[in-house]
């Protein structure tokens, strides 16, 4: 049950992260010659980053990387 609550708590964070990604992209991208992105594209970028970062954060939290050295 605890895992379900953690996942349910992450859902609003995902939508907020997507919103912030969209807003910040619109501010930063013109400096690099890019245009704005839609909210759906911001969601795709956010979930892609979460899929990459979540396992790294979990491994770091368990301390696997630091015990070898």
PDB file of N, CA and C in Angstrom:
ATOM      1  N   UNK A   1       0.825  -1.202   0.000  1.00  0.00           N
ATOM      2  CA  UNK A   1       0.000   0.000   0.000  1.00  0.00           C
ATOM      3  C   UNK A   1       0.864   1.258   0.000  1.00  0.00           C
ATOM      4  N   UNK A   2       2.027   1.227   0.627  1.00  0.00           N
ATOM      5  CA  UNK A   2       2.891   2.393   0.683  1.00  0.00           C
ATOM      6  C   UNK A   2       3.395   2.811  -0.682  1.00  0.00           C
ATOM      7  N   UNK A   3       3.721   1.823  -1.515  1.00  0.00           N
ATOM      8  CA  UNK A   3       4.209   2.126  -2.861  1.00  0.00           C
ATOM      9  C   UNK A   3       3.116   2.793  -3.690  1.00  0.00           C
ATOM     10  N   UNK A   4       1.887   2.338  -3.519  1.00  0.00           N
ATOM     11  CA  UNK A   4       0.763   2.925  -4.255  1.00  0.00           C
ATOM     12  C   UNK A   4       0.574   4.387  -3.879  1.00  0.00           C
ATOM     13  N   UNK A   5       0.743   4.705  -2.617  1.00  0.00           N
ATOM     14  CA  UNK A   5       0.598   6.092  -2.176  1.00  0.00           C
ATOM     15  C   UNK A   5       1.715   6.973  -2.724  1.00  0.00           C
ATOM     16  N   UNK A   6       2.913   6.423  -2.798  1.00  0.00           N
ATOM     17  CA  UNK A   6       4.033   7.192  -3.339  1.00  0.00           C
ATOM     18  C   UNK A   6       3.802   7.497  -4.812  1.00  0.00           C
ATOM     19  N   UNK A   7       3.343   6.491  -5.556  1.00  0.00           N
ATOM     20  CA  UNK A   7       3.061   6.696  -6.975  1.00  0.00           C
ATOM     21  C   UNK A   7       1.931   7.693  -7.155  1.00  0.00           C
ATOM     22  N   UNK A   8       0.887   7.571  -6.347  1.00  0.00           N
ATOM     23  CA  UNK A   8      -0.249   8.507  -6.441  1.00  0.00           C
ATOM     24  C   UNK A   8       0.190   9.928  -6.091  1.00  0.00           C
ATOM     25  N   UNK A   9       1.115  10.065  -5.175  1.00  0.00           N
ATOM     26  CA  UNK A   9       1.606  11.397  -4.806  1.00  0.00           C
ATOM     27  C   UNK A   9       2.475  11.996  -5.899  1.00  0.00           C
ATOM     28  N   UNK A  10       3.092  11.161  -6.735  1.00  0.00           N
ATOM     29  CA  UNK A  10       3.957  11.656  -7.803  1.00  0.00           C
ATOM     30  C   UNK A  10       3.163  12.182  -8.996  1.00  0.00           C
ATOM     31  N   UNK A  11       1.924  11.793  -9.136  1.00  0.00           N
ATOM     32  CA  UNK A  11       1.129  12.189 -10.305  1.00  0.00           C
ATOM     33  C   UNK A  11       0.958  13.705 -10.408  1.00  0.00           C
ATOM     34  N   UNK A  12       0.542  14.403  -9.346  1.00  0.00           N
ATOM     35  CA  UNK A  12       0.457  15.868  -9.476  1.00  0.00           C
ATOM     36  C   UNK A  12       1.812  16.509  -9.758  1.00  0.00           C
ATOM     37  N   UNK A  13       2.876  15.931  -9.213  1.00  0.00           N
ATOM     38  CA  UNK A  13       4.212  16.446  -9.463  1.00  0.00           C
ATOM     39  C   UNK A  13       4.594  16.324 -10.925  1.00  0.00           C
ATOM     40  N   UNK A  14       4.151  15.264 -11.572  1.00  0.00           N
ATOM     41  CA  UNK A  14       4.425  15.082 -12.992  1.00  0.00           C
ATOM     42  C   UNK A  14       3.773  16.194 -13.811  1.00  0.00           C
ATOM     43  N   UNK A  15       2.506  16.485 -13.523  1.00  0.00           N
ATOM     44  CA  UNK A  15       1.809  17.517 -14.287  1.00  0.00           C
ATOM     45  C   UNK A  15       2.395  18.905 -14.022  1.00  0.00           C
ATOM     46  N   UNK A  16       2.791  19.154 -12.787  1.00  0.00           N
ATOM     47  CA  UNK A  16       3.448  20.430 -12.481  1.00  0.00           C
ATOM     48  C   UNK A  16       4.808  20.529 -13.156  1.00  0.00           C
ATOM     49  N   UNK A  17       5.562  19.436 -13.143  1.00  0.00           N
ATOM     50  CA  UNK A  17       6.866  19.436 -13.811  1.00  0.00           C
ATOM     51  C   UNK A  17       6.706  19.689 -15.305  1.00  0.00           C
ATOM     52  N   UNK A  18       5.668  19.111 -15.895  1.00  0.00           N
ATOM     53  CA  UNK A  18       5.406  19.335 -17.322  1.00  0.00           C
ATOM     54  C   UNK A  18       5.066  20.789 -17.592  1.00  0.00           C
ATOM     55  N   UNK A  19       4.280  21.372 -16.721  1.00  0.00           N
ATOM     56  CA  UNK A  19       3.920  22.780 -16.883  1.00  0.00           C
ATOM     57  C   UNK A  19       5.157  23.665 -16.785  1.00  0.00           C
ATOM     58  N   UNK A  20       6.000  23.399 -15.783  1.00  0.00           N
ATOM     59  CA  UNK A  20       7.218  24.188 -15.633  1.00  0.00           C
ATOM     60  C   UNK A  20       8.165  23.982 -16.817  1.00  0.00           C
ATOM     61  N   UNK A  21       8.231  22.759 -17.330  1.00  0.00           N
ATOM     62  CA  UNK A  21       9.063  22.498 -18.504  1.00  0.00           C
ATOM     63  C   UNK A  21       8.585  23.331 -19.684  1.00  0.00           C
ATOM     64  N   UNK A  22       7.277  23.347 -19.908  1.00  0.00           N
ATOM     65  CA  UNK A  22       6.719  24.115 -21.022  1.00  0.00           C
ATOM     66  C   UNK A  22       7.003  25.607 -20.855  1.00  0.00           C
ATOM     67  N   UNK A  23       6.794  26.116 -19.655  1.00  0.00           N
ATOM     68  CA  UNK A  23       6.995  27.548 -19.421  1.00  0.00           C
ATOM     69  C   UNK A  23       8.461  27.944 -19.537  1.00  0.00           C
ATOM     70  N   UNK A  24       9.341  27.164 -18.935  1.00  0.00           N
ATOM     71  CA  UNK A  24      10.757  27.493 -18.986  1.00  0.00           C
ATOM     72  C   UNK A  24      11.338  27.299 -20.384  1.00  0.00           C
ATOM     73  N   UNK A  25      10.837  26.303 -21.107  1.00  0.00           N
ATOM     74  CA  UNK A  25      11.278  26.101 -22.484  1.00  0.00           C
ATOM     75  C   UNK A  25      10.966  27.334 -23.323  1.00  0.00           C
ATOM     76  N   UNK A  26       9.774  27.887 -23.112  1.00  0.00           N
ATOM     77  CA  UNK A  26       9.391  29.076 -23.863  1.00  0.00           C
ATOM     78  C   UNK A  26      10.268  30.278 -23.566  1.00  0.00           C
ATOM     79  N   UNK A  27      10.850  30.324 -22.395  1.00  0.00           N
ATOM     80  CA  UNK A  27      11.728  31.432 -22.021  1.00  0.00           C
ATOM     81  C   UNK A  27      13.151  31.207 -22.533  1.00  0.00           C
ATOM     82  N   UNK A  28      13.634  29.965 -22.453  1.00  0.00           N
ATOM     83  CA  UNK A  28      15.022  29.668 -22.777  1.00  0.00           C
ATOM     84  C   UNK A  28      15.240  29.395 -24.266  1.00  0.00           C
ATOM     85  N   UNK A  29      14.319  28.715 -24.920  1.00  0.00           N
ATOM     86  CA  UNK A  29      14.508  28.268 -26.305  1.00  0.00           C
ATOM     87  C   UNK A  29      14.786  29.394 -27.296  1.00  0.00           C
ATOM     88  N   UNK A  30      14.155  30.562 -27.198  1.00  0.00           N
ATOM     89  CA  UNK A  30      14.467  31.618 -28.170  1.00  0.00           C
ATOM     90  C   UNK A  30      15.938  32.050 -28.153  1.00  0.00           C
ATOM     91  N   UNK A  31      16.596  31.896 -27.027  1.00  0.00           N
ATOM     92  CA  UNK A  31      18.016  32.232 -26.956  1.00  0.00           C
ATOM     93  C   UNK A  31      18.876  31.292 -27.798  1.00  0.00           C
ATOM     94  N   UNK A  32      18.357  30.106 -28.077  1.00  0.00           N
ATOM     95  CA  UNK A  32      19.081  29.116 -28.859  1.00  0.00           C
ATOM     96  C   UNK A  32      18.467  28.910 -30.234  1.00  0.00           C
ATOM     97  N   UNK A  33      17.564  29.777 -30.618  1.00  0.00           N
ATOM     98  CA  UNK A  33      16.956  29.694 -31.933  1.00  0.00           C
ATOM     99  C   UNK A  33      15.798  28.719 -32.024  1.00  0.00           C
ATOM    100  N   UNK A  34      15.296  28.240 -30.914  1.00  0.00           N
ATOM    101  CA  UNK A  34      14.179  27.297 -30.911  1.00  0.00           C
ATOM    102  C   UNK A  34      12.859  27.997 -30.671  1.00  0.00           C
ATOM    103  N   UNK A  35      11.797  27.275 -30.910  1.00  0.00           N
ATOM    104  CA  UNK A  35      10.463  27.818 -30.680  1.00  0.00           C
ATOM    105  C   UNK A  35       9.850  27.263 -29.411  1.00  0.00           C
ATOM    106  N   UNK A  36       8.604  27.578 -29.202  1.00  0.00           N
ATOM    107  CA  UNK A  36       7.909  27.077 -28.021  1.00  0.00           C
ATOM    108  C   UNK A  36       7.434  25.646 -28.274  1.00  0.00           C
ATOM    109  N   UNK A  37       7.068  24.944 -27.203  1.00  0.00           N
ATOM    110  CA  UNK A  37       6.566  23.583 -27.306  1.00  0.00           C
ATOM    111  C   UNK A  37       5.177  23.524 -26.688  1.00  0.00           C
ATOM    112  N   UNK A  38       4.416  22.532 -27.068  1.00  0.00           N
ATOM    113  CA  UNK A  38       3.075  22.344 -26.510  1.00  0.00           C
ATOM    114  C   UNK A  38       3.178  21.645 -25.158  1.00  0.00           C
ATOM    115  N   UNK A  39       2.055  21.627 -24.446  1.00  0.00           N
ATOM    116  CA  UNK A  39       2.018  20.952 -23.153  1.00  0.00           C
ATOM    117  C   UNK A  39       2.229  19.454 -23.329  1.00  0.00           C
ATOM    118  N   UNK A  40       1.685  18.881 -24.395  1.00  0.00           N
ATOM    119  CA  UNK A  40       1.869  17.448 -24.656  1.00  0.00           C
ATOM    120  C   UNK A  40       3.346  17.119 -24.882  1.00  0.00           C
ATOM    121  N   UNK A  41       4.058  17.962 -25.617  1.00  0.00           N
ATOM    122  CA  UNK A  41       5.489  17.740 -25.827  1.00  0.00           C
ATOM    123  C   UNK A  41       6.249  17.894 -24.513  1.00  0.00           C
ATOM    124  N   UNK A  42       5.840  18.847 -23.685  1.00  0.00           N
ATOM    125  CA  UNK A  42       6.467  19.019 -22.370  1.00  0.00           C
ATOM    126  C   UNK A  42       6.249  17.777 -21.509  1.00  0.00           C
ATOM    127  N   UNK A  43       5.076  17.159 -21.625  1.00  0.00           N
ATOM    128  CA  UNK A  43       4.814  15.919 -20.890  1.00  0.00           C
ATOM    129  C   UNK A  43       5.731  14.798 -21.381  1.00  0.00           C
ATOM    130  N   UNK A  44       5.940  14.722 -22.689  1.00  0.00           N
ATOM    131  CA  UNK A  44       6.822  13.702 -23.242  1.00  0.00           C
ATOM    132  C   UNK A  44       8.257  13.899 -22.765  1.00  0.00           C
ATOM    133  N   UNK A  45       8.717  15.131 -22.761  1.00  0.00           N
ATOM    134  CA  UNK A  45      10.067  15.433 -22.281  1.00  0.00           C
ATOM    135  C   UNK A  45      10.196  15.087 -20.804  1.00  0.00           C
ATOM    136  N   UNK A  46       9.192  15.447 -20.018  1.00  0.00           N
ATOM    137  CA  UNK A  46       9.223  15.202 -18.577  1.00  0.00           C
ATOM    138  C   UNK A  46       9.246  13.714 -18.273  1.00  0.00           C
ATOM    139  N   UNK A  47       8.387  12.936 -18.916  1.00  0.00           N
ATOM    140  CA  UNK A  47       8.357  11.493 -18.627  1.00  0.00           C
ATOM    141  C   UNK A  47       9.648  10.838 -19.085  1.00  0.00           C
ATOM    142  N   UNK A  48      10.218  11.323 -20.176  1.00  0.00           N
ATOM    143  CA  UNK A  48      11.501  10.776 -20.636  1.00  0.00           C
ATOM    144  C   UNK A  48      12.593  11.022 -19.601  1.00  0.00           C
ATOM    145  N   UNK A  49      12.636  12.225 -19.066  1.00  0.00           N
ATOM    146  CA  UNK A  49      13.626  12.537 -18.036  1.00  0.00           C
ATOM    147  C   UNK A  49      13.395  11.727 -16.773  1.00  0.00           C
ATOM    148  N   UNK A  50      12.133  11.556 -16.389  1.00  0.00           N
ATOM    149  CA  UNK A  50      11.829  10.781 -15.194  1.00  0.00           C
ATOM    150  C   UNK A  50      12.235   9.327 -15.359  1.00  0.00           C
ATOM    151  N   UNK A  51      12.049   8.769 -16.553  1.00  0.00           N
ATOM    152  CA  UNK A  51      12.412   7.374 -16.792  1.00  0.00           C
ATOM    153  C   UNK A  51      13.922   7.189 -16.683  1.00  0.00           C
ATOM    154  N   UNK A  52      14.674   8.182 -17.082  1.00  0.00           N
ATOM    155  CA  UNK A  52      16.135   8.097 -17.006  1.00  0.00           C
ATOM    156  C   UNK A  52      16.628   8.373 -15.588  1.00  0.00           C
ATOM    157  N   UNK A  53      16.082   9.370 -14.934  1.00  0.00           N
ATOM    158  CA  UNK A  53      16.603   9.822 -13.642  1.00  0.00           C
ATOM    159  C   UNK A  53      16.141   8.946 -12.476  1.00  0.00           C
ATOM    160  N   UNK A  54      14.951   8.395 -12.522  1.00  0.00           N
ATOM    161  CA  UNK A  54      14.423   7.620 -11.391  1.00  0.00           C
ATOM    162  C   UNK A  54      15.304   6.428 -11.025  1.00  0.00           C
ATOM    163  N   UNK A  55      15.732   5.598 -11.967  1.00  0.00           N
ATOM    164  CA  UNK A  55      16.624   4.491 -11.571  1.00  0.00           C
ATOM    165  C   UNK A  55      17.960   4.971 -11.021  1.00  0.00           C
ATOM    166  N   UNK A  56      18.473   6.060 -11.564  1.00  0.00           N
ATOM    167  CA  UNK A  56      19.731   6.601 -11.048  1.00  0.00           C
ATOM    168  C   UNK A  56      19.567   7.092  -9.623  1.00  0.00           C
ATOM    169  N   UNK A  57      18.466   7.767  -9.350  1.00  0.00           N
ATOM    170  CA  UNK A  57      18.201   8.258  -7.995  1.00  0.00           C
ATOM    171  C   UNK A  57      17.993   7.095  -7.032  1.00  0.00           C
ATOM    172  N   UNK A  58      17.301   6.050  -7.477  1.00  0.00           N
ATOM    173  CA  UNK A  58      17.079   4.887  -6.617  1.00  0.00           C
ATOM    174  C   UNK A  58      18.397   4.187  -6.303  1.00  0.00           C
ATOM    175  N   UNK A  59      19.256   4.039  -7.296  1.00  0.00           N
ATOM    176  CA  UNK A  59      20.557   3.398  -7.066  1.00  0.00           C
ATOM    177  C   UNK A  59      21.420   4.241  -6.140  1.00  0.00           C
ATOM    178  N   UNK A  60      21.403   5.533  -6.318  1.00  0.00           N
ATOM    179  CA  UNK A  60      22.180   6.416  -5.446  1.00  0.00           C
ATOM    180  C   UNK A  60      21.640   6.369  -4.025  1.00  0.00           C
ATOM    181  N   UNK A  61      20.324   6.262  -3.893  1.00  0.00           N
ATOM    182  CA  UNK A  61      19.716   6.182  -2.570  1.00  0.00           C
ATOM    183  C   UNK A  61      20.093   4.917  -1.828  1.00  0.00           C
ATOM    184  N   UNK A  62      20.334   3.854  -2.554  1.00  0.00           N
ATOM    185  CA  UNK A  62      20.755   2.601  -1.933  1.00  0.00           C
ATOM    186  C   UNK A  62      22.246   2.571  -1.677  1.00  0.00           C
ATOM    187  N   UNK A  63      22.971   3.512  -2.260  1.00  0.00           N
ATOM    188  CA  UNK A  63      24.396   3.607  -2.025  1.00  0.00           C
ATOM    189  C   UNK A  63      25.235   2.597  -2.775  1.00  0.00           C
ATOM    190  N   UNK A  64      24.726   2.007  -3.837  1.00  0.00           N
ATOM    191  CA  UNK A  64      25.485   1.006  -4.580  1.00  0.00           C
ATOM    192  C   UNK A  64      26.736   1.576  -5.217  1.00  0.00           C
ATOM    193  N   UNK A  65      26.677   2.780  -5.706  1.00  0.00           N
ATOM    194  CA  UNK A  65      27.805   3.363  -6.423  1.00  0.00           C
ATOM    195  C   UNK A  65      28.957   3.715  -5.492  1.00  0.00           C
ATOM    196  N   UNK A  66      28.643   4.054  -4.255  1.00  0.00           N
ATOM    197  CA  UNK A  66      29.658   4.570  -3.357  1.00  0.00           C
ATOM    198  C   UNK A  66      30.343   3.494  -2.524  1.00  0.00           C
ATOM    199  N   UNK A  67      29.792   2.332  -2.419  1.00  0.00           N
ATOM    200  CA  UNK A  67      30.381   1.278  -1.602  1.00  0.00           C
ATOM    201  C   UNK A  67      31.598   0.638  -2.242  1.00  0.00           C
ATOM    202  N   UNK A  68      31.660   0.685  -3.565  1.00  0.00           N
ATOM    203  CA  UNK A  68      32.780   0.048  -4.276  1.00  0.00           C
ATOM    204  C   UNK A  68      34.077   0.819  -4.052  1.00  0.00           C
ATOM    205  N   UNK A  69      34.023   2.100  -3.794  1.00  0.00           N
ATOM    206  CA  UNK A  69      35.218   2.939  -3.781  1.00  0.00           C
ATOM    207  C   UNK A  69      35.593   3.258  -2.412  1.00  0.00           C
TER     208      UNK A  69
END
